Protein backbone atom coordinates (compact mmCIF):
# COMPACT_ATOMS: atom_id res chain seq x y z
CA UNK A 1 103.86 142.93 87.87
CA UNK A 2 100.93 140.51 87.88
CA UNK A 3 101.81 136.86 88.40
CA UNK A 4 99.58 133.92 87.68
CA UNK A 5 98.41 131.62 90.44
CA UNK A 6 100.54 128.84 88.98
CA UNK A 7 103.65 131.03 89.10
CA UNK A 8 102.97 132.05 92.69
CA UNK A 9 102.41 128.43 93.71
CA UNK A 10 105.60 127.32 91.93
CA UNK A 11 107.61 130.05 93.66
CA UNK A 12 106.09 129.14 97.03
CA UNK A 13 106.99 125.47 96.52
CA UNK A 14 110.57 126.37 95.60
CA UNK A 15 110.89 128.58 98.67
CA UNK A 16 109.42 125.86 100.90
CA UNK A 17 111.80 123.26 99.51
CA UNK A 18 114.79 125.57 100.00
CA UNK A 19 113.78 126.39 103.56
CA UNK A 20 113.02 122.79 104.43
CA UNK A 21 109.74 123.84 106.01
CA UNK A 22 106.70 121.81 104.99
CA UNK A 23 103.45 123.56 104.10
CA UNK A 24 100.71 123.64 106.72
CA UNK A 25 97.58 122.11 105.24
CA UNK A 26 94.28 122.99 106.87
CA UNK A 27 90.59 122.21 106.51
CA UNK A 28 87.62 124.54 106.95
CA UNK A 29 84.37 123.44 108.55
CA UNK A 30 81.09 124.90 109.79
CA UNK A 31 77.74 123.57 110.89
CA UNK A 32 75.11 126.17 110.06
CA UNK A 33 71.51 126.17 111.12
CA UNK A 34 68.92 126.61 108.38
CA UNK A 35 67.96 130.07 109.62
CA UNK A 36 71.56 131.28 109.92
CA UNK A 37 72.01 134.94 109.05
CA UNK A 38 75.25 134.25 107.21
CA UNK A 39 75.80 132.12 104.10
CA UNK A 40 78.39 129.31 103.98
CA UNK A 41 80.34 131.22 101.28
CA UNK A 42 80.73 134.19 103.63
CA UNK A 43 81.91 132.01 106.49
CA UNK A 44 84.43 130.20 104.31
CA UNK A 45 85.71 133.43 102.76
CA UNK A 46 86.56 134.71 106.26
CA UNK A 47 88.12 131.40 107.34
CA UNK A 48 90.13 131.11 104.12
CA UNK A 49 91.39 134.69 104.43
CA UNK A 50 92.65 133.88 107.92
CA UNK A 51 94.44 130.76 106.63
CA UNK A 52 96.00 132.56 103.68
CA UNK A 53 97.24 135.40 105.91
CA UNK A 54 99.30 132.74 107.73
CA UNK A 55 100.43 131.10 104.50
CA UNK A 56 98.49 127.94 105.28
CA UNK A 57 97.08 125.88 102.44
CA UNK A 58 93.41 124.95 102.31
CA UNK A 59 93.50 121.65 100.48
CA UNK A 60 91.04 121.07 97.64
CA UNK A 61 88.17 119.07 99.10
CA UNK A 62 89.01 120.16 102.65
CA UNK A 63 86.18 122.66 102.93
CA UNK A 64 82.87 121.33 104.18
CA UNK A 65 79.73 122.43 105.95
CA UNK A 66 76.61 120.81 107.27
CA UNK A 67 73.21 122.44 107.50
CA UNK A 68 71.39 121.59 110.69
CA UNK A 69 71.46 121.87 114.43
CA UNK A 70 74.74 122.23 116.29
CA UNK A 71 73.37 119.59 118.66
CA UNK A 72 73.62 116.94 115.93
CA UNK A 73 76.59 114.67 116.71
CA UNK A 74 79.47 114.93 114.21
CA UNK A 75 79.13 111.27 113.26
CA UNK A 76 75.52 111.90 112.17
CA UNK A 77 76.40 114.82 109.92
CA UNK A 78 76.73 114.41 106.17
CA UNK A 79 80.08 116.05 105.35
CA UNK A 80 82.06 115.75 108.59
CA UNK A 81 83.23 112.14 107.97
CA UNK A 82 85.10 113.20 104.81
CA UNK A 83 87.06 115.80 106.80
CA UNK A 84 87.67 113.36 109.62
CA UNK A 85 89.28 111.02 107.09
CA UNK A 86 91.71 113.80 106.06
CA UNK A 87 92.86 114.10 109.68
CA UNK A 88 93.23 110.36 110.15
CA UNK A 89 95.25 110.13 106.92
CA UNK A 90 97.41 113.07 108.09
CA UNK A 91 96.63 115.09 104.97
CA UNK A 92 95.74 118.14 107.07
CA UNK A 93 97.20 119.29 110.35
CA UNK A 94 94.77 122.05 111.25
CA UNK A 95 91.10 122.93 111.28
CA UNK A 96 89.47 126.36 111.14
CA UNK A 97 85.92 126.70 112.44
CA UNK A 98 83.74 129.61 113.57
CA UNK A 99 83.35 128.18 117.07
CA UNK A 100 84.04 124.95 118.97
CA UNK A 101 80.29 124.36 119.21
CA UNK A 102 80.38 123.54 115.48
CA UNK A 103 82.39 120.47 116.44
CA UNK A 104 81.13 119.56 119.90
CA UNK A 105 78.02 121.04 121.46
CA UNK A 106 77.94 119.60 124.98
CA UNK A 107 80.72 119.62 127.56
CA UNK A 108 81.01 115.82 127.27
CA UNK A 109 81.33 116.11 123.49
CA UNK A 110 83.98 118.80 123.90
CA UNK A 111 86.04 116.59 126.19
CA UNK A 112 85.93 113.71 123.71
CA UNK A 113 86.67 116.06 120.81
CA UNK A 114 89.67 117.60 122.55
CA UNK A 115 91.05 114.15 123.41
CA UNK A 116 90.70 113.07 119.76
CA UNK A 117 92.41 116.24 118.51
CA UNK A 118 95.22 115.76 121.04
CA UNK A 119 95.80 112.15 119.98
CA UNK A 120 96.07 113.18 116.34
CA UNK A 121 98.25 116.21 117.05
CA UNK A 122 95.89 118.49 115.12
CA UNK A 123 95.42 122.16 115.89
CA UNK A 124 92.04 123.93 115.85
CA UNK A 125 91.45 127.65 115.39
CA UNK A 126 88.05 129.13 116.30
CA UNK A 127 87.12 132.38 114.56
CA UNK A 128 83.76 133.70 115.78
CA UNK A 129 83.99 136.74 113.51
CA UNK A 130 83.55 134.39 110.54
CA UNK A 131 79.88 134.03 111.56
CA UNK A 132 79.42 137.71 110.84
CA UNK A 133 80.96 137.19 107.40
CA UNK A 134 83.81 139.54 108.34
CA UNK A 135 87.43 138.89 107.44
CA UNK A 136 89.21 137.24 110.34
CA UNK A 137 92.80 138.02 109.40
């Protein structure tokens, strides 16, 4: 029997309400260099498959990528601030990325990034296989 997406979502919401377990909302992010061998759509397909295999919800508008060097600070990137706002507003509780270097390139950046994530209580999953465009589930 084939069910529509609306029916599946309605059933999932009913089951969540009955179980008392809130949905886990996540965001997807990547910073890809211009000469990257993989397209953003391939990366996000792999990240989304991983999220869906765990029954996590990728919120509309919570998928973003920047084209440029990984060395560019997050604050100087075009799309990162919109995702950062989702974390600050507690709309998402997790982030899926191909690698931590997409978020923080230097060791000092990584320390600051990890402190920020810890303060917000957000989890981060790194899936290097997404850079090959392979499913990560």
